[in-house]
Amino acid sequence: MTFVPKHSPTIVNNTRHTIVVFQERGTLFNKQVLRPGEAVSMTRKQTGGNFLIPYKVHAVIGDESALPTGKDSVKNLVKVTAIPAAFVTGCLVTAVGAGMLIGPSAALAPLVSGMVVNGVVVDATAIAAGGLLATRAQAVTDMLLRDQPDKFMCKTGRLKPGARYLVVKGGLSDGPVVIEDTAKRDFNKLTIAAWKEPQDNSTQGKIEYIADEIGNGEEPEVEVNMIEAH
């Protein structure tokens, strides 16, 4: 059966990176992994049916390892930066093992260049030469997500249910991740490599995660000003 997008909302990955997207309304739901050029489209029912309760959309640089799971909770997912941490650390460790910077690791290189971890200067040469131990990779990840969270993730403000076209741009060395609310006529000009439906919320589980309570003053939320369609 041919998939017919319903655009309530539709989220398009217009970055050069793999991303994880999901909606949030007290719990996280309708999550999906999008490669560059891919899009996920939700039905009105999947977004909340006839309930006119606003929701937010999150976009995070990462792959399947960055998908939030039903085992997570408010207690152990203290900050939204915990979501891409495993992905970032994995990229750095993989680069060390391969002896070269490729794919996501190459995009991370400009962000880590010049960092000093435990007295050791970290740069692309050190990573490719195997000079980044696993313990330092974790420390680098923590520093990146603390100092440059906008290069890895963002979220919208509260959105009203209904037809909406969201385009994710930027990320890593391309600058902050942004989510643009795009007019239908502009959305129709985009080339979609593949359409996806959100993962089944009933089988994947939900996270008891209240975004507004995350951080507790320790770390600012990454809030993105929406570019509203005219």
N, C-alpha and C. Protein backbone atom coordinates (compact mmCIF):
# COMPACT_ATOMS: atom_id res chain seq x y z
N MET A 1 0.85 -1.19 0.00
CA MET A 1 0.00 0.00 0.00
C MET A 1 0.89 1.25 0.00
N THR A 2 0.57 2.21 -0.84
CA THR A 2 1.35 3.44 -0.94
C THR A 2 1.12 4.32 0.28
N PHE A 3 2.22 4.82 0.85
CA PHE A 3 2.12 5.68 2.02
C PHE A 3 1.69 7.08 1.59
N VAL A 4 0.65 7.60 2.23
CA VAL A 4 0.15 8.94 1.94
C VAL A 4 0.39 9.83 3.15
N PRO A 5 1.33 10.77 3.07
CA PRO A 5 1.61 11.63 4.22
C PRO A 5 0.42 12.53 4.56
N LYS A 6 0.20 12.72 5.86
CA LYS A 6 -0.92 13.53 6.33
C LYS A 6 -0.48 14.89 6.87
N HIS A 7 0.82 15.06 7.08
CA HIS A 7 1.38 16.37 7.44
C HIS A 7 0.84 16.93 8.75
N SER A 8 0.68 16.08 9.77
CA SER A 8 0.19 16.59 11.06
C SER A 8 1.12 16.26 12.23
N PRO A 9 2.38 16.61 12.22
CA PRO A 9 3.07 17.36 11.16
C PRO A 9 3.89 16.42 10.27
N THR A 10 4.60 17.02 9.31
CA THR A 10 5.65 16.34 8.56
C THR A 10 6.98 16.98 8.95
N ILE A 11 7.99 16.14 9.16
CA ILE A 11 9.33 16.62 9.53
C ILE A 11 10.32 16.09 8.50
N VAL A 12 11.09 16.98 7.90
CA VAL A 12 12.05 16.62 6.85
C VAL A 12 13.47 16.86 7.35
N ASN A 13 14.34 15.90 7.10
CA ASN A 13 15.75 16.05 7.44
C ASN A 13 16.49 16.70 6.28
N ASN A 14 16.74 17.99 6.37
CA ASN A 14 17.45 18.72 5.33
C ASN A 14 18.88 19.03 5.76
N THR A 15 19.41 18.21 6.70
CA THR A 15 20.80 18.34 7.13
C THR A 15 21.66 17.35 6.35
N ARG A 16 22.96 17.37 6.65
CA ARG A 16 23.87 16.39 6.04
C ARG A 16 24.11 15.22 6.98
N HIS A 17 23.32 15.14 8.05
CA HIS A 17 23.57 14.16 9.10
C HIS A 17 22.32 13.33 9.37
N THR A 18 22.52 12.16 9.96
CA THR A 18 21.39 11.36 10.44
C THR A 18 20.86 11.99 11.72
N ILE A 19 19.55 12.08 11.84
CA ILE A 19 18.96 12.71 13.02
C ILE A 19 17.85 11.83 13.60
N VAL A 20 17.54 12.09 14.86
CA VAL A 20 16.40 11.48 15.53
C VAL A 20 15.41 12.59 15.82
N VAL A 21 14.15 12.37 15.48
CA VAL A 21 13.11 13.36 15.76
C VAL A 21 12.01 12.70 16.58
N PHE A 22 11.33 13.50 17.37
CA PHE A 22 10.20 12.99 18.14
C PHE A 22 9.37 14.17 18.63
N GLN A 23 8.13 13.87 18.93
CA GLN A 23 7.23 14.86 19.51
C GLN A 23 7.24 14.72 21.03
N GLU A 24 6.80 15.78 21.69
CA GLU A 24 6.78 15.76 23.16
C GLU A 24 5.57 16.51 23.68
N ARG A 25 4.85 15.84 24.53
CA ARG A 25 3.72 16.45 25.22
C ARG A 25 3.61 15.74 26.57
N GLY A 26 4.54 16.07 27.47
CA GLY A 26 4.60 15.35 28.74
C GLY A 26 5.36 14.05 28.60
N THR A 27 5.08 13.28 27.56
CA THR A 27 5.84 12.08 27.21
C THR A 27 6.42 12.28 25.82
N LEU A 28 7.40 11.47 25.46
CA LEU A 28 7.96 11.49 24.12
C LEU A 28 7.23 10.46 23.27
N PHE A 29 6.89 10.82 22.05
CA PHE A 29 6.16 9.91 21.19
C PHE A 29 6.45 10.22 19.72
N ASN A 30 6.02 9.32 18.85
CA ASN A 30 6.20 9.48 17.40
C ASN A 30 7.66 9.72 17.02
N LYS A 31 8.55 8.92 17.56
CA LYS A 31 9.97 9.08 17.26
C LYS A 31 10.34 8.34 15.98
N GLN A 32 11.41 8.81 15.34
CA GLN A 32 11.88 8.16 14.12
C GLN A 32 13.31 8.62 13.82
N VAL A 33 14.06 7.76 13.14
CA VAL A 33 15.41 8.08 12.67
C VAL A 33 15.30 8.49 11.20
N LEU A 34 15.89 9.63 10.87
CA LEU A 34 15.84 10.13 9.50
C LEU A 34 17.24 10.34 8.94
N ARG A 35 17.53 9.69 7.83
CA ARG A 35 18.75 9.96 7.09
C ARG A 35 18.54 11.24 6.28
N PRO A 36 19.62 11.85 5.77
CA PRO A 36 19.47 13.07 4.97
C PRO A 36 18.47 12.88 3.83
N GLY A 37 17.54 13.81 3.73
CA GLY A 37 16.54 13.76 2.67
C GLY A 37 15.29 13.00 3.01
N GLU A 38 15.28 12.28 4.13
CA GLU A 38 14.10 11.51 4.52
C GLU A 38 13.12 12.37 5.31
N ALA A 39 11.87 11.93 5.33
CA ALA A 39 10.83 12.66 6.05
C ALA A 39 9.93 11.68 6.80
N VAL A 40 9.40 12.14 7.91
CA VAL A 40 8.42 11.37 8.66
C VAL A 40 7.14 12.21 8.73
N SER A 41 6.00 11.56 8.55
CA SER A 41 4.73 12.28 8.57
C SER A 41 3.77 11.60 9.53
N MET A 42 3.16 12.39 10.40
CA MET A 42 2.21 11.88 11.38
C MET A 42 0.78 12.21 10.95
N THR A 43 -0.13 11.36 11.34
CA THR A 43 -1.54 11.66 11.15
C THR A 43 -2.03 12.50 12.33
N ARG A 44 -3.18 13.11 12.16
CA ARG A 44 -3.76 13.88 13.25
C ARG A 44 -4.01 13.00 14.47
N LYS A 45 -4.43 11.76 14.22
CA LYS A 45 -4.69 10.83 15.32
C LYS A 45 -3.40 10.52 16.07
N GLN A 46 -2.30 10.29 15.35
CA GLN A 46 -1.02 9.98 16.00
C GLN A 46 -0.52 11.15 16.84
N THR A 47 -0.85 12.37 16.42
CA THR A 47 -0.41 13.55 17.15
C THR A 47 -1.31 13.88 18.33
N GLY A 48 -2.50 13.28 18.38
CA GLY A 48 -3.37 13.55 19.51
C GLY A 48 -4.84 13.58 19.18
N GLY A 49 -5.17 13.22 17.92
CA GLY A 49 -6.58 13.17 17.55
C GLY A 49 -7.25 14.52 17.61
N ASN A 50 -8.41 14.57 18.25
CA ASN A 50 -9.18 15.81 18.31
C ASN A 50 -8.81 16.70 19.49
N PHE A 51 -7.83 16.26 20.29
CA PHE A 51 -7.40 17.07 21.43
C PHE A 51 -6.49 18.20 20.93
N LEU A 52 -6.90 19.42 21.17
CA LEU A 52 -6.15 20.57 20.67
C LEU A 52 -5.08 20.99 21.68
N ILE A 53 -4.29 20.01 22.12
CA ILE A 53 -3.24 20.27 23.10
C ILE A 53 -1.93 20.47 22.35
N PRO A 54 -1.23 21.58 22.58
CA PRO A 54 0.03 21.84 21.88
C PRO A 54 1.08 20.78 22.17
N TYR A 55 2.04 20.67 21.32
CA TYR A 55 3.15 19.75 21.47
C TYR A 55 4.43 20.44 21.01
N LYS A 56 5.56 19.83 21.28
CA LYS A 56 6.84 20.32 20.79
C LYS A 56 7.47 19.24 19.93
N VAL A 57 8.38 19.65 19.06
CA VAL A 57 9.14 18.71 18.24
C VAL A 57 10.61 18.88 18.57
N HIS A 58 11.29 17.75 18.78
CA HIS A 58 12.72 17.74 19.05
C HIS A 58 13.45 17.14 17.85
N ALA A 59 14.62 17.66 17.57
CA ALA A 59 15.51 17.08 16.55
C ALA A 59 16.89 16.95 17.18
N VAL A 60 17.47 15.76 17.07
CA VAL A 60 18.75 15.46 17.71
C VAL A 60 19.67 14.78 16.70
N ILE A 61 20.91 15.24 16.62
CA ILE A 61 21.89 14.57 15.78
C ILE A 61 22.16 13.19 16.36
N GLY A 62 21.98 12.14 15.57
CA GLY A 62 22.21 10.80 16.09
C GLY A 62 21.54 9.75 15.23
N ASP A 63 21.81 8.50 15.55
CA ASP A 63 21.21 7.38 14.83
C ASP A 63 20.36 6.55 15.78
N GLU A 64 20.21 5.26 15.51
CA GLU A 64 19.38 4.42 16.36
C GLU A 64 19.85 4.42 17.82
N SER A 65 21.16 4.64 18.03
CA SER A 65 21.68 4.65 19.40
C SER A 65 21.18 5.86 20.19
N ALA A 66 20.69 6.87 19.49
CA ALA A 66 20.20 8.08 20.15
C ALA A 66 18.69 8.08 20.35
N LEU A 67 18.02 6.99 19.93
CA LEU A 67 16.58 6.92 20.14
C LEU A 67 16.25 6.79 21.62
N PRO A 68 15.38 7.64 22.15
CA PRO A 68 14.95 7.46 23.54
C PRO A 68 14.15 6.17 23.66
N THR A 69 14.33 5.47 24.77
CA THR A 69 13.65 4.19 24.96
C THR A 69 12.68 4.25 26.12
N GLY A 70 11.82 3.23 26.20
CA GLY A 70 10.85 3.16 27.27
C GLY A 70 11.46 2.91 28.64
N LYS A 71 12.75 2.56 28.68
CA LYS A 71 13.41 2.29 29.96
C LYS A 71 13.89 3.58 30.62
N ASP A 72 13.92 4.65 29.85
CA ASP A 72 14.37 5.93 30.39
C ASP A 72 13.25 6.57 31.21
N SER A 73 13.64 7.47 32.09
CA SER A 73 12.65 8.16 32.91
C SER A 73 13.19 9.53 33.29
N VAL A 74 12.37 10.31 33.95
CA VAL A 74 12.81 11.62 34.41
C VAL A 74 14.03 11.51 35.30
N LYS A 75 14.09 10.46 36.11
CA LYS A 75 15.17 10.33 37.08
C LYS A 75 16.53 10.11 36.43
N ASN A 76 16.57 9.30 35.35
CA ASN A 76 17.88 9.03 34.77
C ASN A 76 18.13 9.81 33.48
N LEU A 77 17.09 10.46 32.92
CA LEU A 77 17.28 11.32 31.77
C LEU A 77 17.13 12.75 32.26
N VAL A 78 18.15 13.19 33.01
CA VAL A 78 18.06 14.48 33.67
C VAL A 78 18.10 15.62 32.67
N LYS A 79 18.90 15.45 31.60
CA LYS A 79 19.03 16.50 30.60
C LYS A 79 18.80 15.90 29.23
N VAL A 80 18.27 16.72 28.33
CA VAL A 80 18.04 16.24 26.97
C VAL A 80 19.37 15.92 26.28
N THR A 81 20.48 16.49 26.77
CA THR A 81 21.79 16.21 26.19
C THR A 81 22.20 14.76 26.38
N ALA A 82 21.51 14.04 27.27
CA ALA A 82 21.84 12.63 27.48
C ALA A 82 21.46 11.79 26.26
N ILE A 83 20.55 12.28 25.45
CA ILE A 83 20.06 11.49 24.32
C ILE A 83 21.14 11.22 23.28
N PRO A 84 21.89 12.24 22.79
CA PRO A 84 22.90 11.95 21.76
C PRO A 84 24.26 11.56 22.30
N ALA A 85 24.42 11.46 23.62
CA ALA A 85 25.74 11.22 24.21
C ALA A 85 26.38 9.94 23.70
N ALA A 86 25.61 8.84 23.69
CA ALA A 86 26.16 7.55 23.24
C ALA A 86 26.59 7.62 21.78
N PHE A 87 25.81 8.34 20.98
CA PHE A 87 26.13 8.48 19.56
C PHE A 87 27.44 9.23 19.35
N VAL A 88 27.60 10.35 20.06
CA VAL A 88 28.82 11.16 19.91
C VAL A 88 30.04 10.39 20.37
N THR A 89 29.95 9.77 21.55
CA THR A 89 31.08 9.00 22.06
C THR A 89 31.42 7.87 21.09
N GLY A 90 30.40 7.21 20.57
CA GLY A 90 30.63 6.12 19.62
C GLY A 90 31.35 6.59 18.38
N CYS A 91 31.01 7.77 17.87
CA CYS A 91 31.69 8.32 16.69
C CYS A 91 33.16 8.55 16.97
N LEU A 92 33.46 9.11 18.14
CA LEU A 92 34.85 9.40 18.49
C LEU A 92 35.65 8.12 18.66
N VAL A 93 35.09 7.14 19.35
CA VAL A 93 35.78 5.87 19.57
C VAL A 93 35.98 5.14 18.24
N THR A 94 34.98 5.18 17.38
CA THR A 94 35.10 4.54 16.07
C THR A 94 36.21 5.18 15.26
N ALA A 95 36.33 6.50 15.34
CA ALA A 95 37.38 7.20 14.61
C ALA A 95 38.75 6.79 15.08
N VAL A 96 38.89 6.60 16.39
CA VAL A 96 40.16 6.16 16.94
C VAL A 96 40.50 4.77 16.43
N GLY A 97 39.51 3.87 16.45
CA GLY A 97 39.75 2.50 16.02
C GLY A 97 40.07 2.41 14.54
N ALA A 98 39.44 3.27 13.73
CA ALA A 98 39.66 3.23 12.29
C ALA A 98 40.93 3.96 11.87
N GLY A 99 41.41 4.84 12.75
CA GLY A 99 42.61 5.61 12.42
C GLY A 99 42.34 6.72 11.42
N MET A 100 41.08 7.09 11.26
CA MET A 100 40.75 8.16 10.32
C MET A 100 39.42 8.78 10.71
N LEU A 101 39.19 9.96 10.19
CA LEU A 101 37.96 10.67 10.45
C LEU A 101 37.06 10.59 9.22
N ILE A 102 35.93 9.92 9.35
CA ILE A 102 35.01 9.79 8.24
C ILE A 102 33.59 10.01 8.75
N GLY A 103 32.67 10.37 7.85
CA GLY A 103 31.28 10.51 8.21
C GLY A 103 31.05 11.47 9.37
N PRO A 104 30.24 11.07 10.35
CA PRO A 104 29.93 11.95 11.49
C PRO A 104 31.18 12.36 12.25
N SER A 105 32.18 11.48 12.31
CA SER A 105 33.41 11.81 13.04
C SER A 105 34.11 13.01 12.41
N ALA A 106 34.12 13.07 11.08
CA ALA A 106 34.74 14.19 10.38
C ALA A 106 34.00 15.49 10.67
N ALA A 107 32.67 15.40 10.77
CA ALA A 107 31.87 16.59 11.06
C ALA A 107 32.07 17.05 12.50
N LEU A 108 32.46 16.13 13.39
CA LEU A 108 32.72 16.49 14.78
C LEU A 108 34.08 17.16 14.95
N ALA A 109 35.01 16.88 14.06
CA ALA A 109 36.39 17.33 14.22
C ALA A 109 36.52 18.83 14.47
N PRO A 110 35.85 19.71 13.69
CA PRO A 110 36.00 21.14 13.95
C PRO A 110 35.52 21.57 15.33
N LEU A 111 34.59 20.80 15.90
CA LEU A 111 34.05 21.16 17.20
C LEU A 111 35.00 20.79 18.34
N VAL A 112 35.80 19.74 18.15
CA VAL A 112 36.68 19.28 19.23
C VAL A 112 38.08 19.87 19.13
N SER A 113 38.42 20.41 17.97
CA SER A 113 39.77 20.91 17.76
C SER A 113 40.16 21.96 18.79
N GLY A 114 41.28 21.73 19.47
CA GLY A 114 41.78 22.67 20.46
C GLY A 114 41.32 22.41 21.87
N MET A 115 40.45 21.44 22.06
CA MET A 115 40.01 21.11 23.42
C MET A 115 41.16 20.54 24.23
N VAL A 116 41.18 20.83 25.51
CA VAL A 116 42.19 20.28 26.41
C VAL A 116 41.48 19.40 27.43
N VAL A 117 41.78 18.09 27.40
CA VAL A 117 41.18 17.13 28.30
C VAL A 117 42.26 16.47 29.13
N ASN A 118 42.21 16.69 30.43
CA ASN A 118 43.22 16.13 31.34
C ASN A 118 44.64 16.49 30.88
N GLY A 119 44.81 17.72 30.44
CA GLY A 119 46.13 18.19 30.04
C GLY A 119 46.54 17.81 28.63
N VAL A 120 45.68 17.11 27.90
CA VAL A 120 45.99 16.68 26.54
C VAL A 120 45.16 17.49 25.55
N VAL A 121 45.84 18.08 24.56
CA VAL A 121 45.15 18.85 23.53
C VAL A 121 44.51 17.87 22.54
N VAL A 122 43.23 18.03 22.32
CA VAL A 122 42.51 17.16 21.41
C VAL A 122 42.25 17.89 20.10
N ASP A 123 42.65 17.29 18.99
CA ASP A 123 42.35 17.83 17.67
C ASP A 123 42.14 16.68 16.70
N ALA A 124 41.87 17.00 15.45
CA ALA A 124 41.58 15.97 14.46
C ALA A 124 42.76 15.02 14.29
N THR A 125 43.99 15.57 14.33
CA THR A 125 45.17 14.73 14.16
C THR A 125 45.30 13.72 15.29
N ALA A 126 45.05 14.20 16.51
CA ALA A 126 45.16 13.31 17.67
C ALA A 126 44.13 12.20 17.61
N ILE A 127 42.91 12.53 17.17
CA ILE A 127 41.85 11.53 17.09
C ILE A 127 42.20 10.47 16.05
N ALA A 128 42.60 10.94 14.86
CA ALA A 128 42.91 10.01 13.77
C ALA A 128 44.13 9.16 14.09
N ALA A 129 45.04 9.68 14.89
CA ALA A 129 46.26 8.95 15.23
C ALA A 129 46.06 8.02 16.41
N GLY A 130 44.83 7.97 16.94
CA GLY A 130 44.56 7.09 18.07
C GLY A 130 44.92 7.70 19.40
N GLY A 131 45.07 9.03 19.44
CA GLY A 131 45.47 9.69 20.67
C GLY A 131 44.33 10.04 21.60
N LEU A 132 43.14 9.53 21.30
CA LEU A 132 41.99 9.80 22.14
C LEU A 132 41.50 8.50 22.76
N LEU A 133 41.83 8.28 24.01
CA LEU A 133 41.40 7.08 24.70
C LEU A 133 39.90 7.12 24.94
N ALA A 134 39.31 5.96 25.20
CA ALA A 134 37.87 5.89 25.41
C ALA A 134 37.43 6.79 26.56
N THR A 135 38.24 6.86 27.61
CA THR A 135 37.89 7.70 28.75
C THR A 135 37.89 9.17 28.35
N ARG A 136 38.83 9.55 27.51
CA ARG A 136 38.87 10.94 27.05
C ARG A 136 37.74 11.21 26.07
N ALA A 137 37.35 10.19 25.30
CA ALA A 137 36.24 10.36 24.36
C ALA A 137 34.98 10.73 25.12
N GLN A 138 34.76 10.10 26.27
CA GLN A 138 33.59 10.42 27.09
C GLN A 138 33.69 11.84 27.62
N ALA A 139 34.90 12.24 28.04
CA ALA A 139 35.09 13.59 28.55
C ALA A 139 34.86 14.63 27.46
N VAL A 140 35.33 14.34 26.24
CA VAL A 140 35.12 15.24 25.11
C VAL A 140 33.63 15.36 24.82
N THR A 141 32.93 14.23 24.84
CA THR A 141 31.49 14.24 24.61
C THR A 141 30.78 15.12 25.62
N ASP A 142 31.13 14.97 26.88
CA ASP A 142 30.50 15.76 27.95
C ASP A 142 30.74 17.26 27.72
N MET A 143 31.96 17.61 27.31
CA MET A 143 32.29 19.02 27.08
C MET A 143 31.52 19.57 25.89
N LEU A 144 31.43 18.78 24.81
CA LEU A 144 30.72 19.24 23.62
C LEU A 144 29.25 19.50 23.92
N LEU A 145 28.62 18.56 24.61
CA LEU A 145 27.20 18.69 24.88
C LEU A 145 26.91 19.76 25.94
N ARG A 146 27.91 20.06 26.73
CA ARG A 146 27.75 21.13 27.73
C ARG A 146 27.95 22.50 27.10
N ASP A 147 28.97 22.63 26.24
CA ASP A 147 29.35 23.94 25.71
C ASP A 147 28.70 24.28 24.38
N GLN A 148 28.35 23.25 23.59
CA GLN A 148 27.79 23.51 22.27
C GLN A 148 26.53 22.65 22.00
N PRO A 149 25.59 22.65 22.91
CA PRO A 149 24.42 21.79 22.74
C PRO A 149 23.62 22.11 21.49
N ASP A 150 23.64 23.38 21.06
CA ASP A 150 22.84 23.75 19.90
C ASP A 150 23.36 23.15 18.60
N LYS A 151 24.59 22.63 18.60
CA LYS A 151 25.13 21.97 17.41
C LYS A 151 24.61 20.53 17.29
N PHE A 152 23.94 20.05 18.34
CA PHE A 152 23.50 18.65 18.38
C PHE A 152 21.99 18.49 18.47
N MET A 153 21.28 19.50 18.94
CA MET A 153 19.86 19.31 19.19
C MET A 153 19.13 20.63 19.29
N CYS A 154 17.83 20.56 19.07
CA CYS A 154 16.99 21.72 19.31
C CYS A 154 15.55 21.25 19.46
N LYS A 155 14.69 22.15 19.85
CA LYS A 155 13.27 21.84 19.94
C LYS A 155 12.49 23.09 19.59
N THR A 156 11.29 22.88 19.14
CA THR A 156 10.43 24.00 18.80
C THR A 156 9.76 24.55 20.05
N GLY A 157 9.05 25.64 19.89
CA GLY A 157 8.14 26.09 20.92
C GLY A 157 6.89 25.22 20.84
N ARG A 158 5.86 25.57 21.57
CA ARG A 158 4.63 24.79 21.55
C ARG A 158 3.90 25.01 20.23
N LEU A 159 3.54 23.91 19.58
CA LEU A 159 2.87 23.96 18.29
C LEU A 159 1.43 23.48 18.41
N LYS A 160 0.55 24.14 17.70
CA LYS A 160 -0.85 23.71 17.70
C LYS A 160 -1.04 22.56 16.72
N PRO A 161 -1.88 21.57 17.05
CA PRO A 161 -2.14 20.47 16.13
C PRO A 161 -2.70 20.97 14.80
N GLY A 162 -2.45 20.23 13.75
CA GLY A 162 -2.91 20.60 12.42
C GLY A 162 -1.81 20.42 11.40
N ALA A 163 -2.09 20.74 10.16
CA ALA A 163 -1.10 20.59 9.09
C ALA A 163 0.09 21.50 9.33
N ARG A 164 1.29 20.93 9.23
CA ARG A 164 2.51 21.71 9.48
C ARG A 164 3.67 21.02 8.79
N TYR A 165 4.59 21.84 8.25
CA TYR A 165 5.73 21.32 7.50
C TYR A 165 7.00 21.84 8.16
N LEU A 166 7.75 20.95 8.80
CA LEU A 166 8.93 21.32 9.55
C LEU A 166 10.18 20.80 8.84
N VAL A 167 11.17 21.67 8.69
CA VAL A 167 12.41 21.32 8.00
C VAL A 167 13.58 21.50 8.97
N VAL A 168 14.35 20.43 9.18
CA VAL A 168 15.50 20.47 10.08
C VAL A 168 16.76 20.77 9.26
N LYS A 169 17.54 21.75 9.73
CA LYS A 169 18.76 22.15 9.03
C LYS A 169 19.91 22.27 10.03
N GLY A 170 21.16 22.36 9.48
CA GLY A 170 22.34 22.61 10.30
C GLY A 170 22.88 21.37 10.98
N GLY A 171 23.53 21.57 12.12
CA GLY A 171 24.08 20.48 12.90
C GLY A 171 25.58 20.33 12.76
N LEU A 172 26.25 20.05 13.88
CA LEU A 172 27.69 19.81 13.95
C LEU A 172 28.46 20.97 13.30
N SER A 173 29.33 20.69 12.34
CA SER A 173 30.15 21.74 11.75
C SER A 173 29.36 22.68 10.85
N ASP A 174 28.10 22.35 10.58
CA ASP A 174 27.24 23.22 9.76
C ASP A 174 26.51 24.26 10.59
N GLY A 175 26.80 24.32 11.88
CA GLY A 175 26.17 25.30 12.74
C GLY A 175 25.05 24.71 13.58
N PRO A 176 24.35 25.56 14.32
CA PRO A 176 23.28 25.07 15.20
C PRO A 176 22.20 24.32 14.43
N VAL A 177 21.62 23.33 15.10
CA VAL A 177 20.46 22.64 14.55
C VAL A 177 19.27 23.59 14.65
N VAL A 178 18.53 23.75 13.56
CA VAL A 178 17.35 24.60 13.59
C VAL A 178 16.18 23.85 12.97
N ILE A 179 14.99 24.18 13.41
CA ILE A 179 13.77 23.61 12.86
C ILE A 179 12.95 24.77 12.32
N GLU A 180 12.72 24.77 11.03
CA GLU A 180 11.97 25.85 10.39
C GLU A 180 10.55 25.39 10.07
N ASP A 181 9.59 26.24 10.40
CA ASP A 181 8.20 25.99 10.05
C ASP A 181 7.99 26.57 8.65
N THR A 182 7.82 25.70 7.67
CA THR A 182 7.87 26.09 6.27
C THR A 182 6.49 26.11 5.62
N ALA A 183 6.29 27.04 4.70
CA ALA A 183 5.04 27.10 3.96
C ALA A 183 4.92 25.89 3.03
N LYS A 184 3.69 25.47 2.77
CA LYS A 184 3.47 24.30 1.93
C LYS A 184 4.10 24.46 0.56
N ARG A 185 4.01 25.65 -0.02
CA ARG A 185 4.57 25.88 -1.36
C ARG A 185 6.08 25.70 -1.38
N ASP A 186 6.75 26.07 -0.29
CA ASP A 186 8.20 25.88 -0.20
C ASP A 186 8.54 24.42 0.09
N PHE A 187 7.71 23.79 0.90
CA PHE A 187 7.92 22.38 1.20
C PHE A 187 7.82 21.53 -0.07
N ASN A 188 6.89 21.86 -0.94
CA ASN A 188 6.68 21.09 -2.16
C ASN A 188 7.87 21.17 -3.11
N LYS A 189 8.77 22.11 -2.90
CA LYS A 189 9.95 22.23 -3.74
C LYS A 189 11.07 21.29 -3.29
N LEU A 190 10.92 20.72 -2.09
CA LEU A 190 11.95 19.83 -1.56
C LEU A 190 11.85 18.45 -2.20
N THR A 191 13.00 17.80 -2.34
CA THR A 191 13.05 16.43 -2.83
C THR A 191 13.13 15.49 -1.64
N ILE A 192 12.14 14.63 -1.49
CA ILE A 192 12.09 13.69 -0.37
C ILE A 192 12.64 12.35 -0.84
N ALA A 193 13.73 11.90 -0.21
CA ALA A 193 14.36 10.64 -0.60
C ALA A 193 13.53 9.44 -0.19
N ALA A 194 12.87 9.53 0.96
CA ALA A 194 12.05 8.42 1.46
C ALA A 194 11.08 8.95 2.51
N TRP A 195 9.86 8.38 2.50
CA TRP A 195 8.87 8.72 3.51
C TRP A 195 8.84 7.64 4.58
N LYS A 196 8.65 8.06 5.82
CA LYS A 196 8.54 7.12 6.92
C LYS A 196 7.34 7.47 7.78
N GLU A 197 6.83 6.46 8.46
CA GLU A 197 5.84 6.67 9.50
C GLU A 197 6.56 6.66 10.84
N PRO A 198 6.00 7.29 11.87
CA PRO A 198 6.64 7.24 13.19
C PRO A 198 6.65 5.82 13.73
N GLN A 199 7.59 5.53 14.57
CA GLN A 199 7.64 4.21 15.20
C GLN A 199 6.42 4.03 16.09
N ASP A 200 6.00 2.79 16.21
CA ASP A 200 4.81 2.44 16.97
C ASP A 200 5.01 2.77 18.44
N ASN A 201 4.27 3.73 18.94
CA ASN A 201 4.41 4.14 20.34
C ASN A 201 4.05 3.02 21.31
N SER A 202 3.13 2.16 20.93
CA SER A 202 2.69 1.11 21.85
C SER A 202 3.75 0.06 22.07
N THR A 203 4.63 -0.17 21.04
CA THR A 203 5.66 -1.19 21.18
C THR A 203 6.99 -0.60 21.62
N GLN A 204 7.22 0.65 21.31
CA GLN A 204 8.49 1.27 21.65
C GLN A 204 8.50 1.83 23.06
N GLY A 205 7.34 2.13 23.60
CA GLY A 205 7.28 2.67 24.95
C GLY A 205 7.40 4.18 24.95
N LYS A 206 7.09 4.78 26.08
CA LYS A 206 7.15 6.22 26.21
C LYS A 206 8.03 6.60 27.39
N ILE A 207 8.54 7.79 27.34
CA ILE A 207 9.38 8.28 28.43
C ILE A 207 8.59 9.27 29.27
N GLU A 208 8.61 9.08 30.56
CA GLU A 208 7.98 10.05 31.44
C GLU A 208 8.93 11.23 31.56
N TYR A 209 8.80 12.16 30.63
CA TYR A 209 9.81 13.20 30.47
C TYR A 209 9.11 14.54 30.31
N ILE A 210 9.25 15.39 31.28
CA ILE A 210 8.67 16.72 31.21
C ILE A 210 9.78 17.69 30.84
N ALA A 211 9.78 18.17 29.61
CA ALA A 211 10.89 18.95 29.08
C ALA A 211 11.14 20.21 29.89
N ASP A 212 10.06 20.88 30.33
CA ASP A 212 10.24 22.14 31.03
C ASP A 212 10.91 21.96 32.38
N GLU A 213 10.96 20.73 32.90
CA GLU A 213 11.57 20.51 34.20
C GLU A 213 13.01 20.02 34.06
N ILE A 214 13.43 19.72 32.86
CA ILE A 214 14.78 19.19 32.66
C ILE A 214 15.80 20.30 32.81
N GLY A 215 16.91 19.99 33.44
CA GLY A 215 17.99 20.95 33.60
C GLY A 215 18.09 21.44 35.03
N ASN A 216 16.95 21.82 35.62
CA ASN A 216 16.96 22.31 37.01
C ASN A 216 17.97 23.42 37.22
N GLY A 217 18.14 24.27 36.20
CA GLY A 217 19.04 25.39 36.33
C GLY A 217 20.48 25.06 36.04
N GLU A 218 20.81 23.77 35.86
CA GLU A 218 22.20 23.39 35.63
C GLU A 218 22.63 23.62 34.18
N GLU A 219 21.65 23.60 33.29
CA GLU A 219 21.98 23.71 31.88
C GLU A 219 20.81 24.31 31.14
N PRO A 220 21.02 25.37 30.36
CA PRO A 220 19.90 26.01 29.68
C PRO A 220 19.29 25.11 28.63
N GLU A 221 17.99 25.21 28.47
CA GLU A 221 17.33 24.46 27.42
C GLU A 221 17.69 25.07 26.08
N VAL A 222 17.70 24.25 25.04
CA VAL A 222 17.99 24.74 23.71
C VAL A 222 16.66 24.99 23.02
N GLU A 223 16.21 26.21 23.07
CA GLU A 223 14.92 26.58 22.52
C GLU A 223 15.15 27.30 21.20
N VAL A 224 14.44 26.91 20.17
CA VAL A 224 14.63 27.50 18.86
C VAL A 224 13.46 28.37 18.49
N ASN A 225 13.74 29.58 18.04
CA ASN A 225 12.67 30.44 17.57
C ASN A 225 12.19 29.94 16.22
N MET A 226 10.92 29.67 16.13
CA MET A 226 10.36 29.15 14.90
C MET A 226 10.33 30.22 13.81
N ILE A 227 10.61 29.85 12.61
CA ILE A 227 10.47 30.73 11.45
C ILE A 227 9.10 30.43 10.88
N GLU A 228 8.14 31.25 11.20
CA GLU A 228 6.76 30.95 10.83
C GLU A 228 6.54 31.21 9.34
N ALA A 229 5.73 30.35 8.75
CA ALA A 229 5.40 30.51 7.33
C ALA A 229 4.46 31.70 7.15
N HIS A 230 4.64 32.38 6.07
CA HIS A 230 3.77 33.53 5.77
C HIS A 230 2.91 33.22 4.55
